[in-house]
Amino acid sequence: MCLSVVAAPHYLAGVDLFSRSWTALRAAVAELSDEDFARPSGCTGWLVRDLVCHLVIDAQDVLITLVTPAEGEPTRDALTYWDITETPPTGDDPLDALTVRLAAAYGEPWLLKFHLDDVGSAAGRAAELADPSLRVGTRDQVLTAGDYLSAYVLEWTLHHLDLVAQLQDAAEPPAEGLARSRGMLEKIAGSAFPASFTDKDALLVGTGRRAPTDAETTGLGELAAKLPLVLG
């Protein structure tokens, strides 16, 4: 009982940001035109429609994880949840290719919007109702629901940037989500980005979504050698 009370502020902050980031991302999808679905996203090899299909799968994963209680001590937290690889995605991975085929099978953009709104709303409600101290299992790992939802703040924020990468006037992720995600990426990297980097630029450059300029590379110093951080 006492442990839950002590941990609550940390967990509740993460759950609150999860909800705000997820709501903003779903709202951005709802505002897309049919033509926008055929534009490139910020994910290599994926159109916007492919990314939206991936978000449907993500929402399903959230629902599955939150109803998969686990025993034993947590093996991951909000930061170590992520596996870091050195190889940027090319779009040729079998699961990535499956997402492209699945997205095409929807046919009409409104069907993808409908499915995301349906499953995404359920995932949002499940997150709000979840006990943050509950231990859940996913990817053969154990972590608290609070840490799991906190990790997804980074997921939603990066994919929100991917969604609007080629879209003018589209709403960007919430500022607090960008700031939290930057902080998480810095902790994963073990080094802070220069103050000259905006939160958005730190995330884009840090995860290899765009290459740094010569001036940015100089400013990054030793951190440049660790980038990009490819999260999986």
C-alpha atoms as a PDB file:
ATOM      1  CA  MET A   1       0.000   0.000   0.000  1.00  0.00           C
ATOM      2  CA  CYS A   2       2.733   2.484   0.980  1.00  0.00           C
ATOM      3  CA  LEU A   3       4.778   1.647  -2.114  1.00  0.00           C
ATOM      4  CA  SER A   4       1.830   2.490  -4.369  1.00  0.00           C
ATOM      5  CA  VAL A   5       1.304   5.835  -2.644  1.00  0.00           C
ATOM      6  CA  VAL A   6       4.958   6.804  -2.974  1.00  0.00           C
ATOM      7  CA  ALA A   7       5.163   5.764  -6.617  1.00  0.00           C
ATOM      8  CA  ALA A   8       1.865   7.345  -7.661  1.00  0.00           C
ATOM      9  CA  PRO A   9       3.100  10.846  -8.626  1.00  0.00           C
ATOM     10  CA  HIS A  10       5.731   9.457 -11.001  1.00  0.00           C
ATOM     11  CA  TYR A  11       3.344   6.974 -12.551  1.00  0.00           C
ATOM     12  CA  LEU A  12       0.409   9.353 -12.801  1.00  0.00           C
ATOM     13  CA  ALA A  13       2.536  11.903 -14.639  1.00  0.00           C
ATOM     14  CA  GLY A  14       3.468   9.263 -17.201  1.00  0.00           C
ATOM     15  CA  VAL A  15      -0.119   8.068 -17.618  1.00  0.00           C
ATOM     16  CA  ASP A  16      -1.327  11.649 -18.015  1.00  0.00           C
ATOM     17  CA  LEU A  17       1.237  12.349 -20.731  1.00  0.00           C
ATOM     18  CA  PHE A  18       0.374   9.061 -22.411  1.00  0.00           C
ATOM     19  CA  SER A  19      -3.253  10.178 -22.611  1.00  0.00           C
ATOM     20  CA  ARG A  20      -2.457  13.673 -23.865  1.00  0.00           C
ATOM     21  CA  SER A  21       0.049  12.459 -26.451  1.00  0.00           C
ATOM     22  CA  TRP A  22      -2.253   9.685 -27.680  1.00  0.00           C
ATOM     23  CA  THR A  23      -5.268  11.992 -27.871  1.00  0.00           C
ATOM     24  CA  ALA A  24      -3.284  14.558 -29.872  1.00  0.00           C
ATOM     25  CA  LEU A  25      -1.989  11.895 -32.272  1.00  0.00           C
ATOM     26  CA  ARG A  26      -5.438  10.460 -32.899  1.00  0.00           C
ATOM     27  CA  ALA A  27      -6.830  13.960 -33.430  1.00  0.00           C
ATOM     28  CA  ALA A  28      -4.121  14.629 -36.028  1.00  0.00           C
ATOM     29  CA  VAL A  29      -5.097  11.448 -37.887  1.00  0.00           C
ATOM     30  CA  ALA A  30      -8.769  12.454 -37.779  1.00  0.00           C
ATOM     31  CA  GLU A  31      -7.880  15.732 -39.530  1.00  0.00           C
ATOM     32  CA  LEU A  32      -6.098  14.043 -42.447  1.00  0.00           C
ATOM     33  CA  SER A  33      -7.554  14.351 -45.921  1.00  0.00           C
ATOM     34  CA  ASP A  34      -7.845  11.300 -48.148  1.00  0.00           C
ATOM     35  CA  GLU A  35      -4.952  12.663 -50.211  1.00  0.00           C
ATOM     36  CA  ASP A  36      -2.749  12.867 -47.108  1.00  0.00           C
ATOM     37  CA  PHE A  37      -2.891   9.086 -46.676  1.00  0.00           C
ATOM     38  CA  ALA A  38      -0.926   8.637 -49.905  1.00  0.00           C
ATOM     39  CA  ARG A  39       1.877  11.009 -48.881  1.00  0.00           C
ATOM     40  CA  PRO A  40       5.218   9.795 -47.477  1.00  0.00           C
ATOM     41  CA  SER A  41       5.506   9.580 -43.705  1.00  0.00           C
ATOM     42  CA  GLY A  42       8.616  10.090 -41.633  1.00  0.00           C
ATOM     43  CA  CYS A  43       9.045   6.297 -41.398  1.00  0.00           C
ATOM     44  CA  THR A  44      11.311   4.973 -44.144  1.00  0.00           C
ATOM     45  CA  GLY A  45       9.329   2.996 -46.711  1.00  0.00           C
ATOM     46  CA  TRP A  46       5.929   3.866 -45.249  1.00  0.00           C
ATOM     47  CA  LEU A  47       3.182   6.119 -46.530  1.00  0.00           C
ATOM     48  CA  VAL A  48       0.958   7.909 -44.048  1.00  0.00           C
ATOM     49  CA  ARG A  49      -1.636   5.148 -44.478  1.00  0.00           C
ATOM     50  CA  ASP A  50       0.968   2.545 -43.455  1.00  0.00           C
ATOM     51  CA  LEU A  51       1.859   4.530 -40.358  1.00  0.00           C
ATOM     52  CA  VAL A  52      -1.811   4.866 -39.368  1.00  0.00           C
ATOM     53  CA  CYS A  53      -2.195   1.105 -39.777  1.00  0.00           C
ATOM     54  CA  HIS A  54       0.818   0.653 -37.487  1.00  0.00           C
ATOM     55  CA  LEU A  55      -0.913   2.874 -34.905  1.00  0.00           C
ATOM     56  CA  VAL A  56      -3.911   0.532 -34.984  1.00  0.00           C
ATOM     57  CA  ILE A  57      -1.539  -2.345 -34.209  1.00  0.00           C
ATOM     58  CA  ASP A  58       0.107  -0.293 -31.457  1.00  0.00           C
ATOM     59  CA  ALA A  59      -3.292   0.380 -29.892  1.00  0.00           C
ATOM     60  CA  GLN A  60      -4.029  -3.336 -29.934  1.00  0.00           C
ATOM     61  CA  ASP A  61      -0.678  -3.997 -28.255  1.00  0.00           C
ATOM     62  CA  VAL A  62      -1.549  -1.524 -25.490  1.00  0.00           C
ATOM     63  CA  LEU A  63      -4.877  -3.253 -24.881  1.00  0.00           C
ATOM     64  CA  ILE A  64      -3.267  -6.709 -24.846  1.00  0.00           C
ATOM     65  CA  THR A  65      -0.438  -5.673 -22.525  1.00  0.00           C
ATOM     66  CA  LEU A  66      -2.677  -3.948 -19.986  1.00  0.00           C
ATOM     67  CA  VAL A  67      -4.718  -7.136 -19.561  1.00  0.00           C
ATOM     68  CA  THR A  68      -1.670  -9.400 -19.356  1.00  0.00           C
ATOM     69  CA  PRO A  69      -0.643  -9.400 -15.673  1.00  0.00           C
ATOM     70  CA  ALA A  70       2.782 -10.774 -14.847  1.00  0.00           C
ATOM     71  CA  GLU A  71       4.470 -12.117 -11.749  1.00  0.00           C
ATOM     72  CA  GLY A  72       7.976 -11.473 -10.537  1.00  0.00           C
ATOM     73  CA  GLU A  73      10.088  -8.364 -10.318  1.00  0.00           C
ATOM     74  CA  PRO A  74      10.115  -5.921 -13.270  1.00  0.00           C
ATOM     75  CA  THR A  75      12.861  -6.618 -15.775  1.00  0.00           C
ATOM     76  CA  ARG A  76      12.430  -3.327 -17.685  1.00  0.00           C
ATOM     77  CA  ASP A  77      11.345   0.250 -16.993  1.00  0.00           C
ATOM     78  CA  ALA A  78      10.229   3.147 -19.197  1.00  0.00           C
ATOM     79  CA  LEU A  79      13.753   3.609 -20.555  1.00  0.00           C
ATOM     80  CA  THR A  80      15.068   0.060 -20.764  1.00  0.00           C
ATOM     81  CA  TYR A  81      11.812  -1.010 -22.441  1.00  0.00           C
ATOM     82  CA  TRP A  82      13.487   0.048 -25.690  1.00  0.00           C
ATOM     83  CA  ASP A  83      15.989  -2.122 -27.511  1.00  0.00           C
ATOM     84  CA  ILE A  84      18.644  -0.053 -29.274  1.00  0.00           C
ATOM     85  CA  THR A  85      19.987  -1.160 -32.647  1.00  0.00           C
ATOM     86  CA  GLU A  86      22.552   0.379 -34.972  1.00  0.00           C
ATOM     87  CA  THR A  87      20.679  -0.324 -38.194  1.00  0.00           C
ATOM     88  CA  PRO A  88      18.082   2.238 -39.308  1.00  0.00           C
ATOM     89  CA  PRO A  89      14.882   0.722 -40.726  1.00  0.00           C
ATOM     90  CA  THR A  90      14.698   0.323 -44.487  1.00  0.00           C
ATOM     91  CA  GLY A  91      11.065  -0.715 -44.813  1.00  0.00           C
ATOM     92  CA  ASP A  92      12.113  -4.196 -45.974  1.00  0.00           C
ATOM     93  CA  ASP A  93      11.613  -5.937 -42.629  1.00  0.00           C
ATOM     94  CA  PRO A  94       8.920  -8.664 -42.980  1.00  0.00           C
ATOM     95  CA  LEU A  95       6.732  -7.095 -40.284  1.00  0.00           C
ATOM     96  CA  ASP A  96       7.083  -3.661 -41.888  1.00  0.00           C
ATOM     97  CA  ALA A  97       6.133  -5.146 -45.242  1.00  0.00           C
ATOM     98  CA  LEU A  98       3.136  -6.876 -43.652  1.00  0.00           C
ATOM     99  CA  THR A  99       1.948  -3.525 -42.306  1.00  0.00           C
ATOM    100  CA  VAL A 100       2.081  -2.064 -45.822  1.00  0.00           C
ATOM    101  CA  ARG A 101      -0.028  -4.915 -47.208  1.00  0.00           C
ATOM    102  CA  LEU A 102      -2.495  -4.673 -44.352  1.00  0.00           C
ATOM    103  CA  ALA A 103      -2.855  -0.917 -44.814  1.00  0.00           C
ATOM    104  CA  ALA A 104      -3.557  -1.386 -48.516  1.00  0.00           C
ATOM    105  CA  ALA A 105      -6.243  -3.946 -47.689  1.00  0.00           C
ATOM    106  CA  TYR A 106      -8.306  -1.279 -45.944  1.00  0.00           C
ATOM    107  CA  GLY A 107      -8.887   0.320 -49.334  1.00  0.00           C
ATOM    108  CA  GLU A 108     -10.523   3.546 -48.163  1.00  0.00           C
ATOM    109  CA  PRO A 109      -8.846   5.983 -45.739  1.00  0.00           C
ATOM    110  CA  TRP A 110     -12.047   6.386 -43.727  1.00  0.00           C
ATOM    111  CA  LEU A 111     -11.888   2.722 -42.762  1.00  0.00           C
ATOM    112  CA  LEU A 112      -8.442   3.206 -41.245  1.00  0.00           C
ATOM    113  CA  LYS A 113      -9.658   6.329 -39.445  1.00  0.00           C
ATOM    114  CA  PHE A 114     -12.658   4.438 -38.096  1.00  0.00           C
ATOM    115  CA  HIS A 115     -10.597   1.497 -36.886  1.00  0.00           C
ATOM    116  CA  LEU A 116      -8.012   3.716 -35.205  1.00  0.00           C
ATOM    117  CA  ASP A 117     -10.717   5.765 -33.503  1.00  0.00           C
ATOM    118  CA  ASP A 118     -12.458   2.588 -32.322  1.00  0.00           C
ATOM    119  CA  VAL A 119      -9.438   0.660 -31.040  1.00  0.00           C
ATOM    120  CA  GLY A 120      -7.507   3.791 -30.096  1.00  0.00           C
ATOM    121  CA  SER A 121     -10.299   5.114 -27.885  1.00  0.00           C
ATOM    122  CA  ALA A 122     -10.453   1.756 -26.120  1.00  0.00           C
ATOM    123  CA  ALA A 123      -6.677   1.801 -25.549  1.00  0.00           C
ATOM    124  CA  GLY A 124      -6.929   5.296 -24.131  1.00  0.00           C
ATOM    125  CA  ARG A 125      -9.679   4.298 -21.711  1.00  0.00           C
ATOM    126  CA  ALA A 126      -7.772   1.184 -20.670  1.00  0.00           C
ATOM    127  CA  ALA A 127      -4.716   3.311 -19.879  1.00  0.00           C
ATOM    128  CA  GLU A 128      -6.751   5.667 -17.714  1.00  0.00           C
ATOM    129  CA  LEU A 129      -8.311   2.761 -15.807  1.00  0.00           C
ATOM    130  CA  ALA A 130      -5.107   0.751 -15.346  1.00  0.00           C
ATOM    131  CA  ASP A 131      -3.420   0.470 -11.954  1.00  0.00           C
ATOM    132  CA  PRO A 132       0.006   2.058 -12.637  1.00  0.00           C
ATOM    133  CA  SER A 133       1.690  -0.283 -10.149  1.00  0.00           C
ATOM    134  CA  LEU A 134       0.306  -3.417 -11.825  1.00  0.00           C
ATOM    135  CA  ARG A 135       3.020  -5.616 -13.310  1.00  0.00           C
ATOM    136  CA  VAL A 136       2.351  -6.533 -16.910  1.00  0.00           C
ATOM    137  CA  GLY A 137       4.083  -8.730 -19.449  1.00  0.00           C
ATOM    138  CA  THR A 138       5.062  -7.823 -22.988  1.00  0.00           C
ATOM    139  CA  ARG A 139       7.839  -8.938 -25.345  1.00  0.00           C
ATOM    140  CA  ASP A 140       8.884 -11.566 -22.768  1.00  0.00           C
ATOM    141  CA  GLN A 141       9.602  -8.808 -20.257  1.00  0.00           C
ATOM    142  CA  VAL A 142       7.944  -7.619 -17.039  1.00  0.00           C
ATOM    143  CA  LEU A 143       7.350  -3.970 -16.167  1.00  0.00           C
ATOM    144  CA  THR A 144       4.796  -1.894 -14.340  1.00  0.00           C
ATOM    145  CA  ALA A 145       1.840  -0.537 -16.283  1.00  0.00           C
ATOM    146  CA  GLY A 146       3.005   2.950 -15.325  1.00  0.00           C
ATOM    147  CA  ASP A 147       6.432   2.427 -16.868  1.00  0.00           C
ATOM    148  CA  TYR A 148       4.892   0.783 -19.926  1.00  0.00           C
ATOM    149  CA  LEU A 149       2.587   3.743 -20.538  1.00  0.00           C
ATOM    150  CA  SER A 150       5.431   6.190 -19.881  1.00  0.00           C
ATOM    151  CA  ALA A 151       7.523   4.436 -22.538  1.00  0.00           C
ATOM    152  CA  TYR A 152       4.716   4.938 -25.021  1.00  0.00           C
ATOM    153  CA  VAL A 153       4.899   8.714 -24.625  1.00  0.00           C
ATOM    154  CA  LEU A 154       8.091   8.460 -26.685  1.00  0.00           C
ATOM    155  CA  GLU A 155       6.378   6.135 -29.185  1.00  0.00           C
ATOM    156  CA  TRP A 156       3.407   8.446 -29.704  1.00  0.00           C
ATOM    157  CA  THR A 157       5.551  11.561 -29.947  1.00  0.00           C
ATOM    158  CA  LEU A 158       7.933  10.120 -32.532  1.00  0.00           C
ATOM    159  CA  HIS A 159       5.096   8.740 -34.634  1.00  0.00           C
ATOM    160  CA  HIS A 160       3.254  12.052 -34.424  1.00  0.00           C
ATOM    161  CA  LEU A 161       6.354  13.664 -35.931  1.00  0.00           C
ATOM    162  CA  ASP A 162       6.406  10.899 -38.554  1.00  0.00           C
ATOM    163  CA  LEU A 163       2.760  11.506 -39.367  1.00  0.00           C
ATOM    164  CA  VAL A 164       3.156  15.223 -40.079  1.00  0.00           C
ATOM    165  CA  ALA A 165       6.637  15.060 -41.624  1.00  0.00           C
ATOM    166  CA  GLN A 166       5.361  15.890 -45.121  1.00  0.00           C
ATOM    167  CA  LEU A 167       2.140  17.664 -44.149  1.00  0.00           C
ATOM    168  CA  GLN A 168       1.973  21.440 -44.031  1.00  0.00           C
ATOM    169  CA  ASP A 169      -0.070  23.125 -41.301  1.00  0.00           C
ATOM    170  CA  ALA A 170      -0.694  19.839 -39.467  1.00  0.00           C
ATOM    171  CA  ALA A 171      -0.712  19.994 -35.667  1.00  0.00           C
ATOM    172  CA  GLU A 172       2.522  18.819 -34.054  1.00  0.00           C
ATOM    173  CA  PRO A 173       2.884  16.799 -30.825  1.00  0.00           C
ATOM    174  CA  PRO A 174       2.143  18.520 -27.500  1.00  0.00           C
ATOM    175  CA  ALA A 175       5.090  20.522 -26.178  1.00  0.00           C
ATOM    176  CA  GLU A 176       5.152  18.561 -22.911  1.00  0.00           C
ATOM    177  CA  GLY A 177       5.315  15.290 -24.835  1.00  0.00           C
ATOM    178  CA  LEU A 178       8.223  16.587 -26.929  1.00  0.00           C
ATOM    179  CA  ALA A 179      10.077  17.708 -23.803  1.00  0.00           C
ATOM    180  CA  ARG A 180       9.507  14.415 -21.970  1.00  0.00           C
ATOM    181  CA  SER A 181      10.536  12.401 -25.024  1.00  0.00           C
ATOM    182  CA  ARG A 182      13.718  14.415 -25.427  1.00  0.00           C
ATOM    183  CA  GLY A 183      14.548  13.798 -21.779  1.00  0.00           C
ATOM    184  CA  MET A 184      13.957  10.082 -22.201  1.00  0.00           C
ATOM    185  CA  LEU A 185      16.141   9.934 -25.309  1.00  0.00           C
ATOM    186  CA  GLU A 186      18.921  11.799 -23.527  1.00  0.00           C
ATOM    187  CA  LYS A 187      18.827   9.308 -20.656  1.00  0.00           C
ATOM    188  CA  ILE A 188      18.909   6.414 -23.123  1.00  0.00           C
ATOM    189  CA  ALA A 189      21.882   8.015 -24.884  1.00  0.00           C
ATOM    190  CA  GLY A 190      23.599   8.834 -21.598  1.00  0.00           C
ATOM    191  CA  SER A 191      24.210  12.385 -22.765  1.00  0.00           C
ATOM    192  CA  ALA A 192      22.239  15.604 -23.235  1.00  0.00           C
ATOM    193  CA  PHE A 193      21.684  17.291 -26.565  1.00  0.00           C
ATOM    194  CA  PRO A 194      23.018  20.842 -26.865  1.00  0.00           C
ATOM    195  CA  ALA A 195      20.673  23.571 -25.665  1.00  0.00           C
ATOM    196  CA  SER A 196      20.685  24.933 -29.224  1.00  0.00           C
ATOM    197  CA  PHE A 197      18.621  21.895 -30.318  1.00  0.00           C
ATOM    198  CA  THR A 198      14.861  22.243 -30.073  1.00  0.00           C
ATOM    199  CA  ASP A 199      13.084  19.255 -28.566  1.00  0.00           C
ATOM    200  CA  LYS A 200      11.792  18.344 -32.031  1.00  0.00           C
ATOM    201  CA  ASP A 201      15.244  18.533 -33.641  1.00  0.00           C
ATOM    202  CA  ALA A 202      16.791  16.498 -30.819  1.00  0.00           C
ATOM    203  CA  LEU A 203      14.262  13.729 -31.461  1.00  0.00           C
ATOM    204  CA  LEU A 204      14.562  13.817 -35.254  1.00  0.00           C
ATOM    205  CA  VAL A 205      18.361  13.860 -35.289  1.00  0.00           C
ATOM    206  CA  GLY A 206      18.709  11.575 -32.289  1.00  0.00           C
ATOM    207  CA  THR A 207      16.627   8.805 -33.855  1.00  0.00           C
ATOM    208  CA  GLY A 208      17.989   9.217 -37.377  1.00  0.00           C
ATOM    209  CA  ARG A 209      14.837  10.726 -38.825  1.00  0.00           C
ATOM    210  CA  ARG A 210      16.986  13.443 -40.339  1.00  0.00           C
ATOM    211  CA  ALA A 211      20.710  13.936 -40.688  1.00  0.00           C
ATOM    212  CA  PRO A 212      22.366  16.646 -38.586  1.00  0.00           C
ATOM    213  CA  THR A 213      23.798  19.689 -40.300  1.00  0.00           C
ATOM    214  CA  ASP A 214      27.545  20.241 -40.119  1.00  0.00           C
ATOM    215  CA  ALA A 215      27.006  22.834 -37.390  1.00  0.00           C
ATOM    216  CA  GLU A 216      24.785  20.449 -35.433  1.00  0.00           C
ATOM    217  CA  THR A 217      27.343  17.652 -35.725  1.00  0.00           C
ATOM    218  CA  THR A 218      29.991  19.964 -34.295  1.00  0.00           C
ATOM    219  CA  GLY A 219      27.675  20.970 -31.477  1.00  0.00           C
ATOM    220  CA  LEU A 220      26.875  17.360 -30.644  1.00  0.00           C
ATOM    221  CA  GLY A 221      30.519  16.604 -29.908  1.00  0.00           C
ATOM    222  CA  GLU A 222      31.081  13.050 -28.666  1.00  0.00           C
ATOM    223  CA  LEU A 223      27.346  12.372 -28.713  1.00  0.00           C
ATOM    224  CA  ALA A 224      27.415  12.428 -32.532  1.00  0.00           C
ATOM    225  CA  ALA A 225      29.257   9.101 -32.547  1.00  0.00           C
ATOM    226  CA  LYS A 226      26.378   7.425 -30.650  1.00  0.00           C
ATOM    227  CA  LEU A 227      23.735   8.531 -33.126  1.00  0.00           C
ATOM    228  CA  PRO A 228      21.333   7.582 -34.464  1.00  0.00           C
ATOM    229  CA  LEU A 229      19.599   5.724 -31.668  1.00  0.00           C
ATOM    230  CA  VAL A 230      17.301   3.305 -33.460  1.00  0.00           C
ATOM    231  CA  LEU A 231      14.593   2.257 -31.019  1.00  0.00           C
ATOM    232  CA  GLY A 232      12.931  -1.110 -31.351  1.00  0.00           C
END
